[in-house]
């Protein structure tokens, strides 16, 4: 019988068949003596007597340990390694820089794309406004002239864009109104790029 089994028997931590085996073995003097000693140890552990440590025991213990270990010393040759000198640090730093630069370029591209989209949408809205004003003025002209629009190629309106003068003179088109899209003015600059009244 091992001490583990005998201790488990004393702690009542065995199954019934194992307990029966220990009780049969306890008839032998060696096992009985061992059970008695283990029982005495367990009873001491369960009800420890009050022990008062001598004065200064902790200080003397720490002093003895310190004497055995000795004072802490730092070797004079010990130099903290400089991580910047290591090739791995340099590679990591380059990779971090490349990743940061890529993120920066991506963000810059997204901002530029958003600005261009906003400018394009603004230009489209401006063109729609110009066409709406022109349509309203032509509609007003036709209602007061028997369903006819201003004629082109006649004296006073020789070119296609000159009908705007008739619309302005008749009060159908606001003075100074643009009849060309702003996008066309920017993309095709020149002497005849704009036609404002």
C-alpha atoms as a PDB file:
ATOM      1  CA  UNK A   1       0.000   0.000   0.000  1.00  0.00           C
ATOM      2  CA  UNK A   2       1.313   3.433  -0.971  1.00  0.00           C
ATOM      3  CA  UNK A   3       1.094   6.542   1.197  1.00  0.00           C
ATOM      4  CA  UNK A   4      -1.220   8.131  -1.390  1.00  0.00           C
ATOM      5  CA  UNK A   5      -3.767   5.336  -1.028  1.00  0.00           C
ATOM      6  CA  UNK A   6      -3.482   5.301   2.765  1.00  0.00           C
ATOM      7  CA  UNK A   7      -3.868   9.103   2.890  1.00  0.00           C
ATOM      8  CA  UNK A   8      -6.916   8.901   0.612  1.00  0.00           C
ATOM      9  CA  UNK A   9      -8.321   6.231   2.970  1.00  0.00           C
ATOM     10  CA  UNK A  10      -7.859   8.508   5.971  1.00  0.00           C
ATOM     11  CA  UNK A  11      -9.470  11.394   4.058  1.00  0.00           C
ATOM     12  CA  UNK A  12     -12.375   9.139   3.048  1.00  0.00           C
ATOM     13  CA  UNK A  13     -11.599   9.668  -0.614  1.00  0.00           C
ATOM     14  CA  UNK A  14     -11.690   6.050  -1.831  1.00  0.00           C
ATOM     15  CA  UNK A  15     -14.377   3.970  -3.472  1.00  0.00           C
ATOM     16  CA  UNK A  16     -15.977   1.202  -1.380  1.00  0.00           C
ATOM     17  CA  UNK A  17     -13.930  -1.614  -3.003  1.00  0.00           C
ATOM     18  CA  UNK A  18     -10.683   0.339  -2.433  1.00  0.00           C
ATOM     19  CA  UNK A  19     -11.616   1.036   1.198  1.00  0.00           C
ATOM     20  CA  UNK A  20     -12.289  -2.644   1.732  1.00  0.00           C
ATOM     21  CA  UNK A  21      -8.851  -3.516   0.322  1.00  0.00           C
ATOM     22  CA  UNK A  22      -7.144  -1.020   2.657  1.00  0.00           C
ATOM     23  CA  UNK A  23      -9.039  -2.350   5.683  1.00  0.00           C
ATOM     24  CA  UNK A  24      -7.927  -5.892   4.851  1.00  0.00           C
ATOM     25  CA  UNK A  25      -4.308  -4.706   4.502  1.00  0.00           C
ATOM     26  CA  UNK A  26      -4.486  -2.748   7.763  1.00  0.00           C
ATOM     27  CA  UNK A  27      -4.444  -6.046   9.692  1.00  0.00           C
ATOM     28  CA  UNK A  28      -0.737  -6.249   8.928  1.00  0.00           C
ATOM     29  CA  UNK A  29       1.422  -4.437  11.509  1.00  0.00           C
ATOM     30  CA  UNK A  30       3.442  -2.434   8.930  1.00  0.00           C
ATOM     31  CA  UNK A  31       0.320  -0.987   7.250  1.00  0.00           C
ATOM     32  CA  UNK A  32      -1.343  -0.335  10.625  1.00  0.00           C
ATOM     33  CA  UNK A  33       1.723   1.595  11.867  1.00  0.00           C
ATOM     34  CA  UNK A  34       1.833   3.599   8.658  1.00  0.00           C
ATOM     35  CA  UNK A  35      -1.875   4.467   8.985  1.00  0.00           C
ATOM     36  CA  UNK A  36      -1.266   5.590  12.562  1.00  0.00           C
ATOM     37  CA  UNK A  37       1.615   7.916  11.544  1.00  0.00           C
ATOM     38  CA  UNK A  38      -0.301   9.381   8.592  1.00  0.00           C
ATOM     39  CA  UNK A  39      -3.333   9.912  10.833  1.00  0.00           C
ATOM     40  CA  UNK A  40      -1.172  11.782  13.329  1.00  0.00           C
ATOM     41  CA  UNK A  41       0.255  14.000  10.552  1.00  0.00           C
ATOM     42  CA  UNK A  42      -3.218  14.749   9.199  1.00  0.00           C
ATOM     43  CA  UNK A  43      -4.555  15.623  12.637  1.00  0.00           C
ATOM     44  CA  UNK A  44      -1.644  18.026  13.135  1.00  0.00           C
ATOM     45  CA  UNK A  45      -2.355  19.643   9.774  1.00  0.00           C
ATOM     46  CA  UNK A  46      -6.042  19.961  10.611  1.00  0.00           C
ATOM     47  CA  UNK A  47      -5.397  21.552  13.989  1.00  0.00           C
ATOM     48  CA  UNK A  48      -1.980  23.215  13.895  1.00  0.00           C
ATOM     49  CA  UNK A  49      -0.577  24.359  17.204  1.00  0.00           C
ATOM     50  CA  UNK A  50       0.200  28.034  17.643  1.00  0.00           C
ATOM     51  CA  UNK A  51       3.784  28.571  16.538  1.00  0.00           C
ATOM     52  CA  UNK A  52       5.545  31.825  17.409  1.00  0.00           C
ATOM     53  CA  UNK A  53       8.533  32.626  15.244  1.00  0.00           C
ATOM     54  CA  UNK A  54      11.618  34.083  16.948  1.00  0.00           C
ATOM     55  CA  UNK A  55      12.130  37.817  16.711  1.00  0.00           C
ATOM     56  CA  UNK A  56      14.066  38.938  13.641  1.00  0.00           C
ATOM     57  CA  UNK A  57      13.744  35.570  11.849  1.00  0.00           C
ATOM     58  CA  UNK A  58      12.685  37.157   8.546  1.00  0.00           C
ATOM     59  CA  UNK A  59      15.547  39.674   8.629  1.00  0.00           C
ATOM     60  CA  UNK A  60      18.134  37.008   9.408  1.00  0.00           C
ATOM     61  CA  UNK A  61      16.759  34.780   6.620  1.00  0.00           C
ATOM     62  CA  UNK A  62      16.948  37.567   4.048  1.00  0.00           C
ATOM     63  CA  UNK A  63      20.476  38.494   5.176  1.00  0.00           C
ATOM     64  CA  UNK A  64      21.620  34.879   4.822  1.00  0.00           C
ATOM     65  CA  UNK A  65      20.152  34.649   1.321  1.00  0.00           C
ATOM     66  CA  UNK A  66      21.753  37.964   0.314  1.00  0.00           C
ATOM     67  CA  UNK A  67      25.141  36.757   1.608  1.00  0.00           C
ATOM     68  CA  UNK A  68      24.877  33.632  -0.507  1.00  0.00           C
ATOM     69  CA  UNK A  69      23.830  35.489  -3.652  1.00  0.00           C
ATOM     70  CA  UNK A  70      26.106  38.511  -3.304  1.00  0.00           C
ATOM     71  CA  UNK A  71      25.466  42.087  -4.433  1.00  0.00           C
ATOM     72  CA  UNK A  72      24.021  42.569  -7.894  1.00  0.00           C
ATOM     73  CA  UNK A  73      26.688  43.491 -10.396  1.00  0.00           C
ATOM     74  CA  UNK A  74      26.355  44.757 -13.935  1.00  0.00           C
ATOM     75  CA  UNK A  75      29.270  43.813 -16.189  1.00  0.00           C
ATOM     76  CA  UNK A  76      31.052  46.864 -17.542  1.00  0.00           C
ATOM     77  CA  UNK A  77      31.208  45.242 -20.970  1.00  0.00           C
ATOM     78  CA  UNK A  78      27.459  44.771 -21.089  1.00  0.00           C
ATOM     79  CA  UNK A  79      26.174  47.244 -23.635  1.00  0.00           C
ATOM     80  CA  UNK A  80      22.535  47.429 -24.530  1.00  0.00           C
ATOM     81  CA  UNK A  81      22.193  46.406 -28.154  1.00  0.00           C
ATOM     82  CA  UNK A  82      21.124  49.155 -30.486  1.00  0.00           C
ATOM     83  CA  UNK A  83      18.131  47.849 -32.379  1.00  0.00           C
ATOM     84  CA  UNK A  84      18.651  50.396 -35.131  1.00  0.00           C
ATOM     85  CA  UNK A  85      21.905  48.686 -36.084  1.00  0.00           C
ATOM     86  CA  UNK A  86      20.183  45.373 -36.705  1.00  0.00           C
ATOM     87  CA  UNK A  87      19.237  44.540 -40.315  1.00  0.00           C
ATOM     88  CA  UNK A  88      15.846  43.165 -39.249  1.00  0.00           C
ATOM     89  CA  UNK A  89      14.896  46.529 -37.735  1.00  0.00           C
ATOM     90  CA  UNK A  90      15.932  48.281 -40.937  1.00  0.00           C
ATOM     91  CA  UNK A  91      13.832  45.904 -43.053  1.00  0.00           C
ATOM     92  CA  UNK A  92      10.818  46.332 -40.788  1.00  0.00           C
ATOM     93  CA  UNK A  93      11.223  50.087 -40.889  1.00  0.00           C
ATOM     94  CA  UNK A  94      11.342  50.074 -44.674  1.00  0.00           C
ATOM     95  CA  UNK A  95       8.272  47.847 -44.881  1.00  0.00           C
ATOM     96  CA  UNK A  96       6.408  50.133 -42.474  1.00  0.00           C
ATOM     97  CA  UNK A  97       7.411  53.148 -44.559  1.00  0.00           C
ATOM     98  CA  UNK A  98       6.255  51.475 -47.784  1.00  0.00           C
ATOM     99  CA  UNK A  99       2.920  50.521 -46.225  1.00  0.00           C
ATOM    100  CA  UNK A 100       2.430  54.039 -44.848  1.00  0.00           C
ATOM    101  CA  UNK A 101       3.306  55.571 -48.220  1.00  0.00           C
ATOM    102  CA  UNK A 102       0.863  53.227 -49.970  1.00  0.00           C
ATOM    103  CA  UNK A 103      -1.916  54.173 -47.578  1.00  0.00           C
ATOM    104  CA  UNK A 104      -1.094  57.856 -48.091  1.00  0.00           C
ATOM    105  CA  UNK A 105      -1.192  57.542 -51.898  1.00  0.00           C
ATOM    106  CA  UNK A 106      -4.466  55.625 -51.697  1.00  0.00           C
ATOM    107  CA  UNK A 107      -6.025  58.284 -49.465  1.00  0.00           C
ATOM    108  CA  UNK A 108      -4.750  61.039 -51.781  1.00  0.00           C
ATOM    109  CA  UNK A 109      -6.223  59.245 -54.804  1.00  0.00           C
ATOM    110  CA  UNK A 110      -9.583  58.870 -53.050  1.00  0.00           C
ATOM    111  CA  UNK A 111      -9.635  62.574 -52.156  1.00  0.00           C
ATOM    112  CA  UNK A 112      -8.756  63.603 -55.727  1.00  0.00           C
ATOM    113  CA  UNK A 113     -11.421  61.264 -57.129  1.00  0.00           C
ATOM    114  CA  UNK A 114     -14.026  62.705 -54.752  1.00  0.00           C
ATOM    115  CA  UNK A 115     -13.079  66.272 -55.757  1.00  0.00           C
ATOM    116  CA  UNK A 116     -13.293  65.431 -59.463  1.00  0.00           C
ATOM    117  CA  UNK A 117     -16.652  63.725 -58.992  1.00  0.00           C
ATOM    118  CA  UNK A 118     -17.960  66.723 -57.061  1.00  0.00           C
ATOM    119  CA  UNK A 119     -16.760  69.129 -59.788  1.00  0.00           C
ATOM    120  CA  UNK A 120     -18.318  66.976 -62.498  1.00  0.00           C
ATOM    121  CA  UNK A 121     -21.661  66.802 -60.683  1.00  0.00           C
ATOM    122  CA  UNK A 122     -21.581  70.567 -60.101  1.00  0.00           C
ATOM    123  CA  UNK A 123     -20.889  71.132 -63.802  1.00  0.00           C
ATOM    124  CA  UNK A 124     -23.773  68.857 -64.779  1.00  0.00           C
ATOM    125  CA  UNK A 125     -26.121  70.754 -62.457  1.00  0.00           C
ATOM    126  CA  UNK A 126     -24.963  74.068 -63.932  1.00  0.00           C
ATOM    127  CA  UNK A 127     -25.607  72.791 -67.471  1.00  0.00           C
ATOM    128  CA  UNK A 128     -29.043  71.579 -66.436  1.00  0.00           C
ATOM    129  CA  UNK A 129     -29.822  75.021 -65.005  1.00  0.00           C
ATOM    130  CA  UNK A 130     -28.675  76.729 -68.224  1.00  0.00           C
ATOM    131  CA  UNK A 131     -30.848  74.406 -70.317  1.00  0.00           C
ATOM    132  CA  UNK A 132     -33.820  74.958 -67.985  1.00  0.00           C
ATOM    133  CA  UNK A 133     -33.527  78.749 -68.254  1.00  0.00           C
ATOM    134  CA  UNK A 134     -33.129  78.546 -72.038  1.00  0.00           C
ATOM    135  CA  UNK A 135     -36.102  76.182 -72.340  1.00  0.00           C
ATOM    136  CA  UNK A 136     -38.306  78.430 -70.212  1.00  0.00           C
ATOM    137  CA  UNK A 137     -37.373  81.520 -72.250  1.00  0.00           C
ATOM    138  CA  UNK A 138     -38.000  79.725 -75.581  1.00  0.00           C
ATOM    139  CA  UNK A 139     -41.307  78.431 -74.282  1.00  0.00           C
ATOM    140  CA  UNK A 140     -42.338  81.947 -73.217  1.00  0.00           C
ATOM    141  CA  UNK A 141     -41.296  83.347 -76.629  1.00  0.00           C
ATOM    142  CA  UNK A 142     -43.290  80.686 -78.509  1.00  0.00           C
ATOM    143  CA  UNK A 143     -46.428  81.309 -76.438  1.00  0.00           C
ATOM    144  CA  UNK A 144     -46.448  84.998 -77.324  1.00  0.00           C
ATOM    145  CA  UNK A 145     -45.476  84.500 -81.002  1.00  0.00           C
ATOM    146  CA  UNK A 146     -48.023  81.945 -82.089  1.00  0.00           C
ATOM    147  CA  UNK A 147     -45.995  78.847 -81.279  1.00  0.00           C
ATOM    148  CA  UNK A 148     -42.948  80.012 -83.236  1.00  0.00           C
ATOM    149  CA  UNK A 149     -39.378  80.115 -82.005  1.00  0.00           C
ATOM    150  CA  UNK A 150     -36.848  82.837 -82.885  1.00  0.00           C
ATOM    151  CA  UNK A 151     -35.607  82.514 -86.450  1.00  0.00           C
ATOM    152  CA  UNK A 152     -31.950  82.068 -87.325  1.00  0.00           C
ATOM    153  CA  UNK A 153     -30.310  83.224 -90.579  1.00  0.00           C
ATOM    154  CA  UNK A 154     -32.390  86.339 -90.885  1.00  0.00           C
ATOM    155  CA  UNK A 155     -31.230  89.942 -90.518  1.00  0.00           C
ATOM    156  CA  UNK A 156     -30.432  90.571 -86.852  1.00  0.00           C
ATOM    157  CA  UNK A 157     -29.968  86.830 -86.131  1.00  0.00           C
ATOM    158  CA  UNK A 158     -27.413  85.576 -88.609  1.00  0.00           C
ATOM    159  CA  UNK A 159     -25.933  82.797 -86.440  1.00  0.00           C
ATOM    160  CA  UNK A 160     -27.453  80.080 -84.280  1.00  0.00           C
ATOM    161  CA  UNK A 161     -26.418  81.724 -81.042  1.00  0.00           C
ATOM    162  CA  UNK A 162     -27.768  85.161 -81.939  1.00  0.00           C
ATOM    163  CA  UNK A 163     -31.373  84.229 -81.160  1.00  0.00           C
ATOM    164  CA  UNK A 164     -30.508  84.843 -77.534  1.00  0.00           C
ATOM    165  CA  UNK A 165     -30.419  88.573 -78.318  1.00  0.00           C
ATOM    166  CA  UNK A 166     -34.083  88.410 -79.371  1.00  0.00           C
ATOM    167  CA  UNK A 167     -34.953  86.471 -76.212  1.00  0.00           C
ATOM    168  CA  UNK A 168     -33.134  89.064 -74.085  1.00  0.00           C
ATOM    169  CA  UNK A 169     -34.682  92.035 -75.924  1.00  0.00           C
ATOM    170  CA  UNK A 170     -38.136  90.505 -75.453  1.00  0.00           C
ATOM    171  CA  UNK A 171     -37.502  89.963 -71.730  1.00  0.00           C
ATOM    172  CA  UNK A 172     -37.712  86.181 -71.991  1.00  0.00           C
ATOM    173  CA  UNK A 173     -34.068  85.599 -71.061  1.00  0.00           C
ATOM    174  CA  UNK A 174     -32.490  87.342 -68.042  1.00  0.00           C
ATOM    175  CA  UNK A 175     -29.780  89.866 -68.989  1.00  0.00           C
ATOM    176  CA  UNK A 176     -26.266  88.379 -68.707  1.00  0.00           C
ATOM    177  CA  UNK A 177     -27.543  84.790 -68.695  1.00  0.00           C
ATOM    178  CA  UNK A 178     -25.063  82.183 -69.956  1.00  0.00           C
ATOM    179  CA  UNK A 179     -26.270  79.884 -72.702  1.00  0.00           C
ATOM    180  CA  UNK A 180     -23.277  77.543 -72.671  1.00  0.00           C
ATOM    181  CA  UNK A 181     -22.358  74.864 -70.149  1.00  0.00           C
ATOM    182  CA  UNK A 182     -19.538  75.798 -67.751  1.00  0.00           C
ATOM    183  CA  UNK A 183     -17.837  72.466 -68.453  1.00  0.00           C
ATOM    184  CA  UNK A 184     -17.567  73.344 -72.143  1.00  0.00           C
ATOM    185  CA  UNK A 185     -16.135  76.756 -71.283  1.00  0.00           C
ATOM    186  CA  UNK A 186     -13.372  75.189 -69.148  1.00  0.00           C
ATOM    187  CA  UNK A 187     -12.529  72.292 -71.455  1.00  0.00           C
ATOM    188  CA  UNK A 188     -12.557  74.359 -74.696  1.00  0.00           C
ATOM    189  CA  UNK A 189     -11.139  77.827 -73.966  1.00  0.00           C
ATOM    190  CA  UNK A 190     -10.834  80.192 -76.887  1.00  0.00           C
ATOM    191  CA  UNK A 191     -12.207  83.377 -78.418  1.00  0.00           C
ATOM    192  CA  UNK A 192     -15.584  81.812 -79.179  1.00  0.00           C
ATOM    193  CA  UNK A 193     -15.719  79.522 -76.103  1.00  0.00           C
ATOM    194  CA  UNK A 194     -18.408  81.530 -74.286  1.00  0.00           C
ATOM    195  CA  UNK A 195     -21.551  83.096 -75.457  1.00  0.00           C
ATOM    196  CA  UNK A 196     -22.979  85.372 -72.849  1.00  0.00           C
ATOM    197  CA  UNK A 197     -25.679  87.904 -73.315  1.00  0.00           C
END
